[in-house]
Structure formats: C-alpha cells, structure tokens
Amino acid sequence: MERLFSIVNDQGYEIDTAMLETESKDGMLQVIPENYVPPNQKRLFRPKWNFDLEDWEEGESEEVVLSQLRKSKFRELSAECTKAILGKFTSEVDGKVYEFSFDTEAQANFDSALLILTQGMEQEAEWTAYTLNGEVARIKLDKAKLIAVAKDGYRHKDSKIKRLRNELEPMVMNATKEELEHIQW
C-alpha cells in the first residue's frame, strides 16, 4: 500500500514529500527511512518533526509565531480594505441617492473629469451611476455636483483606510494568537 510521507532534514523541518510503498508484493513491510515521517496534520506556523517524541511540534518561538500571524492577519485585512475601497459608494445627486463605482478606472475617471470641469474646459460630464435597486443610470454632473460626488468617494475611501489603520491595525498588533482568529474586516 502506498502512503504519503513528509521528508524531513536532520533538524526535523520538511524538505519534500513522497509517496512510498509500505508493503512489498509478497506482503512484507518495507523499511521506511528515519527521515520519512507522517505528514503534518497540525496547524503549526513552522512545523518541525520531533524525532524523540515522534510527533510534529512548533519549530519557532511563540514570539516569532505571533509576530508572523499578526503580519499575516494585517495583510488579510489590508486586502479586504482594498476590496471594499474598490467597491461602490453612495452619493446624492439632485435629491436622488445613487451608487458610484470606485474601482481603479472610476478613480482615474473622477480625476480627469474633475480636472476638465474645474479648468472650465467642459461644463458637465455624463456619468454612469446605479440606482439603489441596481439599475444603470446616466446622469449629468456639473462642476459642483461632480465635486460633491468626488468628495463622497474620498470619504468612502478614507473611512476604509481609517478603519484599517486606526481601528484594526492597533487591534491586530496587540492581539493574542486566539484573538487574531476573531478579528474580521
């Protein structure tokens, strides 16, 4: 029968994996090299095989593990923050509330439209927005309306960054290993 093994170095750290036949065709047990060990089934940051205990253990200090887990959690939250920023935000135009896209292309469109309208090269811009029930709406924005919408877009982006940097980052940097699991975007 074939079994999966972790191949570990002299210090017990995994260097490879291999499938190994554990019985010969005549039913005899095959000799398994000492550095072929059962695969790690534990949730360890840096798994290390303990040859004396014949079991997996954490190969890093608790301090190093916690530091790495905090960094990993912050990267996860930062990605969620970016995703939230690149979503949609709401703004009121002519008494109606619309949703506006704020992906990278939309942000560039806001920048160029603001430049053109504030420089007086055009009087208005036609913009794609969405009603709150998801229907596409084309609306006309003059300079004042575009500035108001762009300000709401900025506030949308800024609120996400403030949440990440002012609320979640300090929480993550002071959290225990167990607390990190419960911190969500």
C-alpha atoms as a PDB file:
ATOM      1  CA  MET A   1       0.000   0.000   0.000  1.00  0.00           C
ATOM      2  CA  GLU A   2       1.276   3.466  -0.893  1.00  0.00           C
ATOM      3  CA  ARG A   3       1.390   6.171   1.785  1.00  0.00           C
ATOM      4  CA  LEU A   4       2.295   9.824   1.762  1.00  0.00           C
ATOM      5  CA  PHE A   5       5.313  10.832   3.839  1.00  0.00           C
ATOM      6  CA  SER A   6       6.991  14.105   4.703  1.00  0.00           C
ATOM      7  CA  ILE A   7      10.721  14.001   4.196  1.00  0.00           C
ATOM      8  CA  VAL A   8      12.481  15.981   6.913  1.00  0.00           C
ATOM      9  CA  ASN A   9      16.062  17.143   7.320  1.00  0.00           C
ATOM     10  CA  ASP A  10      18.271  16.447  10.362  1.00  0.00           C
ATOM     11  CA  GLN A  11      16.639  19.319  12.279  1.00  0.00           C
ATOM     12  CA  GLY A  12      13.139  17.944  11.607  1.00  0.00           C
ATOM     13  CA  TYR A  13      11.979  20.514   9.043  1.00  0.00           C
ATOM     14  CA  GLU A  14      10.123  19.278   5.979  1.00  0.00           C
ATOM     15  CA  ILE A  15      12.144  19.446   2.781  1.00  0.00           C
ATOM     16  CA  ASP A  16       9.927  17.368   0.494  1.00  0.00           C
ATOM     17  CA  THR A  17       7.077  14.873   0.320  1.00  0.00           C
ATOM     18  CA  ALA A  18       6.990  11.435  -1.227  1.00  0.00           C
ATOM     19  CA  MET A  19       4.673   8.524  -1.846  1.00  0.00           C
ATOM     20  CA  LEU A  20       6.236   5.322  -0.592  1.00  0.00           C
ATOM     21  CA  GLU A  21       5.174   1.711  -0.930  1.00  0.00           C
ATOM     22  CA  THR A  22       4.929   0.401   2.652  1.00  0.00           C
ATOM     23  CA  GLU A  23       4.456  -3.264   1.750  1.00  0.00           C
ATOM     24  CA  SER A  24       6.234  -5.347  -0.854  1.00  0.00           C
ATOM     25  CA  LYS A  25       4.319  -7.545  -3.285  1.00  0.00           C
ATOM     26  CA  ASP A  26       4.857 -10.571  -1.032  1.00  0.00           C
ATOM     27  CA  GLY A  27       3.263  -8.733   1.946  1.00  0.00           C
ATOM     28  CA  MET A  28       6.491  -7.909   3.744  1.00  0.00           C
ATOM     29  CA  LEU A  29       6.777  -4.475   5.368  1.00  0.00           C
ATOM     30  CA  GLN A  30       9.204  -2.165   3.630  1.00  0.00           C
ATOM     31  CA  VAL A  31      11.931  -0.390   5.563  1.00  0.00           C
ATOM     32  CA  ILE A  32      10.988   3.260   5.873  1.00  0.00           C
ATOM     33  CA  PRO A  33      13.894   5.709   6.153  1.00  0.00           C
ATOM     34  CA  GLU A  34      14.108   7.536   9.503  1.00  0.00           C
ATOM     35  CA  ASN A  35      13.583  10.921   7.834  1.00  0.00           C
ATOM     36  CA  TYR A  36      10.292   9.771   6.219  1.00  0.00           C
ATOM     37  CA  VAL A  37       7.625  10.749   8.736  1.00  0.00           C
ATOM     38  CA  PRO A  38       3.814  11.028   8.752  1.00  0.00           C
ATOM     39  CA  PRO A  39       2.540  14.253   7.136  1.00  0.00           C
ATOM     40  CA  ASN A  40       1.867  17.183   9.437  1.00  0.00           C
ATOM     41  CA  GLN A  41      -1.835  17.334  10.386  1.00  0.00           C
ATOM     42  CA  LYS A  42      -1.460  20.090  12.970  1.00  0.00           C
ATOM     43  CA  ARG A  43      -1.958  23.804  12.404  1.00  0.00           C
ATOM     44  CA  LEU A  44       1.609  24.901  13.031  1.00  0.00           C
ATOM     45  CA  PHE A  45       3.310  28.014  11.714  1.00  0.00           C
ATOM     46  CA  ARG A  46       6.642  26.283  11.065  1.00  0.00           C
ATOM     47  CA  PRO A  47       6.198  22.561  11.590  1.00  0.00           C
ATOM     48  CA  LYS A  48       9.156  20.623  12.961  1.00  0.00           C
ATOM     49  CA  TRP A  49       9.344  16.861  13.476  1.00  0.00           C
ATOM     50  CA  ASN A  50      10.465  15.863  16.968  1.00  0.00           C
ATOM     51  CA  PHE A  51      12.394  12.618  16.490  1.00  0.00           C
ATOM     52  CA  ASP A  52      12.266  11.758  20.217  1.00  0.00           C
ATOM     53  CA  LEU A  53       8.500  12.256  20.614  1.00  0.00           C
ATOM     54  CA  GLU A  54       7.780  11.093  17.056  1.00  0.00           C
ATOM     55  CA  ASP A  55       5.353  13.949  16.559  1.00  0.00           C
ATOM     56  CA  TRP A  56       5.111  17.381  14.962  1.00  0.00           C
ATOM     57  CA  GLU A  57       5.748  20.474  17.087  1.00  0.00           C
ATOM     58  CA  GLU A  58       6.117  24.202  16.509  1.00  0.00           C
ATOM     59  CA  GLY A  59       9.567  24.986  15.142  1.00  0.00           C
ATOM     60  CA  GLU A  60       9.532  28.690  16.015  1.00  0.00           C
ATOM     61  CA  SER A  61       9.301  30.565  19.303  1.00  0.00           C
ATOM     62  CA  GLU A  62       5.869  31.789  20.363  1.00  0.00           C
ATOM     63  CA  GLU A  63       7.086  35.351  19.868  1.00  0.00           C
ATOM     64  CA  VAL A  64       8.100  34.731  16.240  1.00  0.00           C
ATOM     65  CA  VAL A  65       4.883  32.844  15.507  1.00  0.00           C
ATOM     66  CA  LEU A  66       2.732  35.608  16.977  1.00  0.00           C
ATOM     67  CA  SER A  67       4.624  38.264  15.030  1.00  0.00           C
ATOM     68  CA  GLN A  68       4.150  36.358  11.762  1.00  0.00           C
ATOM     69  CA  LEU A  69       0.481  35.682  12.483  1.00  0.00           C
ATOM     70  CA  ARG A  70      -0.082  39.382  13.155  1.00  0.00           C
ATOM     71  CA  LYS A  71       1.615  40.328   9.879  1.00  0.00           C
ATOM     72  CA  SER A  72      -0.442  37.755   8.012  1.00  0.00           C
ATOM     73  CA  LYS A  73      -3.692  38.978   9.597  1.00  0.00           C
ATOM     74  CA  PHE A  74      -2.857  42.576   8.719  1.00  0.00           C
ATOM     75  CA  ARG A  75      -2.160  41.598   5.070  1.00  0.00           C
ATOM     76  CA  GLU A  76      -5.529  39.819   5.000  1.00  0.00           C
ATOM     77  CA  LEU A  77      -7.316  42.888   6.402  1.00  0.00           C
ATOM     78  CA  SER A  78      -5.444  45.210   4.047  1.00  0.00           C
ATOM     79  CA  ALA A  79      -6.627  43.133   1.064  1.00  0.00           C
ATOM     80  CA  GLU A  80     -10.203  43.317   2.380  1.00  0.00           C
ATOM     81  CA  CYS A  81      -9.824  47.080   2.797  1.00  0.00           C
ATOM     82  CA  THR A  82      -8.691  47.440  -0.810  1.00  0.00           C
ATOM     83  CA  LYS A  83     -11.609  45.295  -1.959  1.00  0.00           C
ATOM     84  CA  ALA A  84     -14.031  47.495  -0.007  1.00  0.00           C
ATOM     85  CA  ILE A  85     -12.495  50.690  -1.416  1.00  0.00           C
ATOM     86  CA  LEU A  86     -12.740  49.391  -4.965  1.00  0.00           C
ATOM     87  CA  GLY A  87     -16.432  48.618  -4.494  1.00  0.00           C
ATOM     88  CA  LYS A  88     -19.198  51.186  -4.674  1.00  0.00           C
ATOM     89  CA  PHE A  89     -20.142  54.211  -2.619  1.00  0.00           C
ATOM     90  CA  THR A  90     -23.337  56.237  -2.411  1.00  0.00           C
ATOM     91  CA  SER A  91     -23.868  59.906  -3.148  1.00  0.00           C
ATOM     92  CA  GLU A  92     -26.922  62.102  -3.556  1.00  0.00           C
ATOM     93  CA  VAL A  93     -27.415  63.967  -6.838  1.00  0.00           C
ATOM     94  CA  ASP A  94     -30.478  66.150  -7.457  1.00  0.00           C
ATOM     95  CA  GLY A  95     -32.280  64.640  -4.472  1.00  0.00           C
ATOM     96  CA  LYS A  96     -31.705  61.007  -5.526  1.00  0.00           C
ATOM     97  CA  VAL A  97     -29.229  58.603  -3.959  1.00  0.00           C
ATOM     98  CA  TYR A  98     -27.030  56.737  -6.434  1.00  0.00           C
ATOM     99  CA  GLU A  99     -24.243  54.219  -6.156  1.00  0.00           C
ATOM    100  CA  PHE A 100     -20.987  55.003  -7.917  1.00  0.00           C
ATOM    101  CA  SER A 101     -18.218  52.593  -8.806  1.00  0.00           C
ATOM    102  CA  PHE A 102     -14.879  53.338  -7.181  1.00  0.00           C
ATOM    103  CA  ASP A 103     -12.623  50.807  -8.901  1.00  0.00           C
ATOM    104  CA  THR A 104      -9.267  51.949 -10.255  1.00  0.00           C
ATOM    105  CA  GLU A 105     -10.716  53.024 -13.608  1.00  0.00           C
ATOM    106  CA  ALA A 106     -13.515  55.008 -11.920  1.00  0.00           C
ATOM    107  CA  GLN A 107     -10.987  56.785  -9.677  1.00  0.00           C
ATOM    108  CA  ALA A 108      -8.977  57.811 -12.754  1.00  0.00           C
ATOM    109  CA  ASN A 109     -12.193  58.988 -14.439  1.00  0.00           C
ATOM    110  CA  PHE A 110     -13.025  61.129 -11.398  1.00  0.00           C
ATOM    111  CA  ASP A 111      -9.552  62.678 -11.510  1.00  0.00           C
ATOM    112  CA  SER A 112      -9.703  63.543 -15.217  1.00  0.00           C
ATOM    113  CA  ALA A 113     -13.322  64.784 -15.115  1.00  0.00           C
ATOM    114  CA  LEU A 114     -12.554  66.986 -12.097  1.00  0.00           C
ATOM    115  CA  LEU A 115      -9.579  68.475 -13.909  1.00  0.00           C
ATOM    116  CA  ILE A 116     -11.558  69.193 -17.065  1.00  0.00           C
ATOM    117  CA  LEU A 117     -14.546  70.688 -15.225  1.00  0.00           C
ATOM    118  CA  THR A 118     -12.531  72.725 -12.714  1.00  0.00           C
ATOM    119  CA  GLN A 119     -10.383  74.122 -15.546  1.00  0.00           C
ATOM    120  CA  GLY A 120     -13.543  75.155 -17.410  1.00  0.00           C
ATOM    121  CA  MET A 121     -12.807  73.001 -20.470  1.00  0.00           C
ATOM    122  CA  GLU A 122     -16.287  71.466 -20.193  1.00  0.00           C
ATOM    123  CA  GLN A 123     -19.426  72.474 -18.289  1.00  0.00           C
ATOM    124  CA  GLU A 124     -20.646  69.000 -17.378  1.00  0.00           C
ATOM    125  CA  ALA A 125     -19.808  65.327 -17.570  1.00  0.00           C
ATOM    126  CA  GLU A 126     -22.205  62.478 -18.229  1.00  0.00           C
ATOM    127  CA  TRP A 127     -21.629  59.744 -15.659  1.00  0.00           C
ATOM    128  CA  THR A 128     -22.707  56.147 -15.155  1.00  0.00           C
ATOM    129  CA  ALA A 129     -24.283  55.591 -11.757  1.00  0.00           C
ATOM    130  CA  TYR A 130     -26.596  52.947 -10.322  1.00  0.00           C
ATOM    131  CA  THR A 131     -29.931  53.306  -8.626  1.00  0.00           C
ATOM    132  CA  LEU A 132     -30.215  51.613  -5.242  1.00  0.00           C
ATOM    133  CA  ASN A 133     -32.035  48.701  -6.900  1.00  0.00           C
ATOM    134  CA  GLY A 134     -29.092  48.197  -9.281  1.00  0.00           C
ATOM    135  CA  GLU A 135     -30.368  49.808 -12.477  1.00  0.00           C
ATOM    136  CA  VAL A 136     -27.875  51.691 -14.626  1.00  0.00           C
ATOM    137  CA  ALA A 137     -28.480  55.438 -14.743  1.00  0.00           C
ATOM    138  CA  ARG A 138     -26.674  58.011 -16.846  1.00  0.00           C
ATOM    139  CA  ILE A 139     -26.610  61.319 -15.013  1.00  0.00           C
ATOM    140  CA  LYS A 140     -25.184  64.728 -15.847  1.00  0.00           C
ATOM    141  CA  LEU A 141     -22.804  66.276 -13.355  1.00  0.00           C
ATOM    142  CA  ASP A 142     -21.713  69.883 -13.464  1.00  0.00           C
ATOM    143  CA  LYS A 143     -18.620  71.033 -11.587  1.00  0.00           C
ATOM    144  CA  ALA A 144     -20.372  71.443  -8.207  1.00  0.00           C
ATOM    145  CA  LYS A 145     -22.189  68.092  -8.456  1.00  0.00           C
ATOM    146  CA  LEU A 146     -19.038  66.246  -9.530  1.00  0.00           C
ATOM    147  CA  ILE A 147     -17.068  67.793  -6.671  1.00  0.00           C
ATOM    148  CA  ALA A 148     -19.799  66.687  -4.224  1.00  0.00           C
ATOM    149  CA  VAL A 149     -19.788  63.133  -5.622  1.00  0.00           C
ATOM    150  CA  ALA A 150     -15.978  63.009  -5.647  1.00  0.00           C
ATOM    151  CA  LYS A 151     -15.951  64.206  -2.027  1.00  0.00           C
ATOM    152  CA  ASP A 152     -18.278  61.339  -1.096  1.00  0.00           C
ATOM    153  CA  GLY A 153     -15.920  58.972  -2.956  1.00  0.00           C
ATOM    154  CA  TYR A 154     -12.989  60.359  -0.994  1.00  0.00           C
ATOM    155  CA  ARG A 155     -14.895  59.933   2.286  1.00  0.00           C
ATOM    156  CA  HIS A 156     -15.745  56.349   1.273  1.00  0.00           C
ATOM    157  CA  LYS A 157     -12.070  55.578   0.641  1.00  0.00           C
ATOM    158  CA  ASP A 158     -10.858  57.490   3.689  1.00  0.00           C
ATOM    159  CA  SER A 159     -13.320  55.728   6.023  1.00  0.00           C
ATOM    160  CA  LYS A 160     -11.994  52.332   4.910  1.00  0.00           C
ATOM    161  CA  ILE A 161      -8.377  53.401   5.396  1.00  0.00           C
ATOM    162  CA  LYS A 162      -9.159  54.903   8.812  1.00  0.00           C
ATOM    163  CA  ARG A 163     -10.858  51.676   9.854  1.00  0.00           C
ATOM    164  CA  LEU A 164      -7.844  49.651   8.750  1.00  0.00           C
ATOM    165  CA  ARG A 165      -5.146  51.923  10.176  1.00  0.00           C
ATOM    166  CA  ASN A 166      -6.822  53.451  13.244  1.00  0.00           C
ATOM    167  CA  GLU A 167      -9.014  50.589  14.461  1.00  0.00           C
ATOM    168  CA  LEU A 168      -7.920  47.228  13.091  1.00  0.00           C
ATOM    169  CA  GLU A 169      -4.141  47.638  12.848  1.00  0.00           C
ATOM    170  CA  PRO A 170      -3.669  48.527  16.560  1.00  0.00           C
ATOM    171  CA  MET A 171      -6.061  45.709  17.465  1.00  0.00           C
ATOM    172  CA  VAL A 172      -4.052  43.221  15.370  1.00  0.00           C
ATOM    173  CA  MET A 173      -0.676  44.379  16.673  1.00  0.00           C
ATOM    174  CA  ASN A 174      -1.811  43.852  20.289  1.00  0.00           C
ATOM    175  CA  ALA A 175      -3.857  40.673  19.810  1.00  0.00           C
ATOM    176  CA  THR A 176      -3.084  37.229  21.130  1.00  0.00           C
ATOM    177  CA  LYS A 177      -2.990  34.263  18.777  1.00  0.00           C
ATOM    178  CA  GLU A 178      -6.562  33.339  19.783  1.00  0.00           C
ATOM    179  CA  GLU A 179      -7.845  36.916  19.410  1.00  0.00           C
ATOM    180  CA  LEU A 180      -6.409  37.183  15.887  1.00  0.00           C
ATOM    181  CA  GLU A 181      -8.772  34.475  14.679  1.00  0.00           C
ATOM    182  CA  HIS A 182     -11.767  36.635  15.614  1.00  0.00           C
ATOM    183  CA  ILE A 183     -10.648  39.913  14.013  1.00  0.00           C
ATOM    184  CA  GLN A 184     -12.551  40.387  10.763  1.00  0.00           C
ATOM    185  CA  TRP A 185     -12.956  43.185   8.272  1.00  0.00           C
END
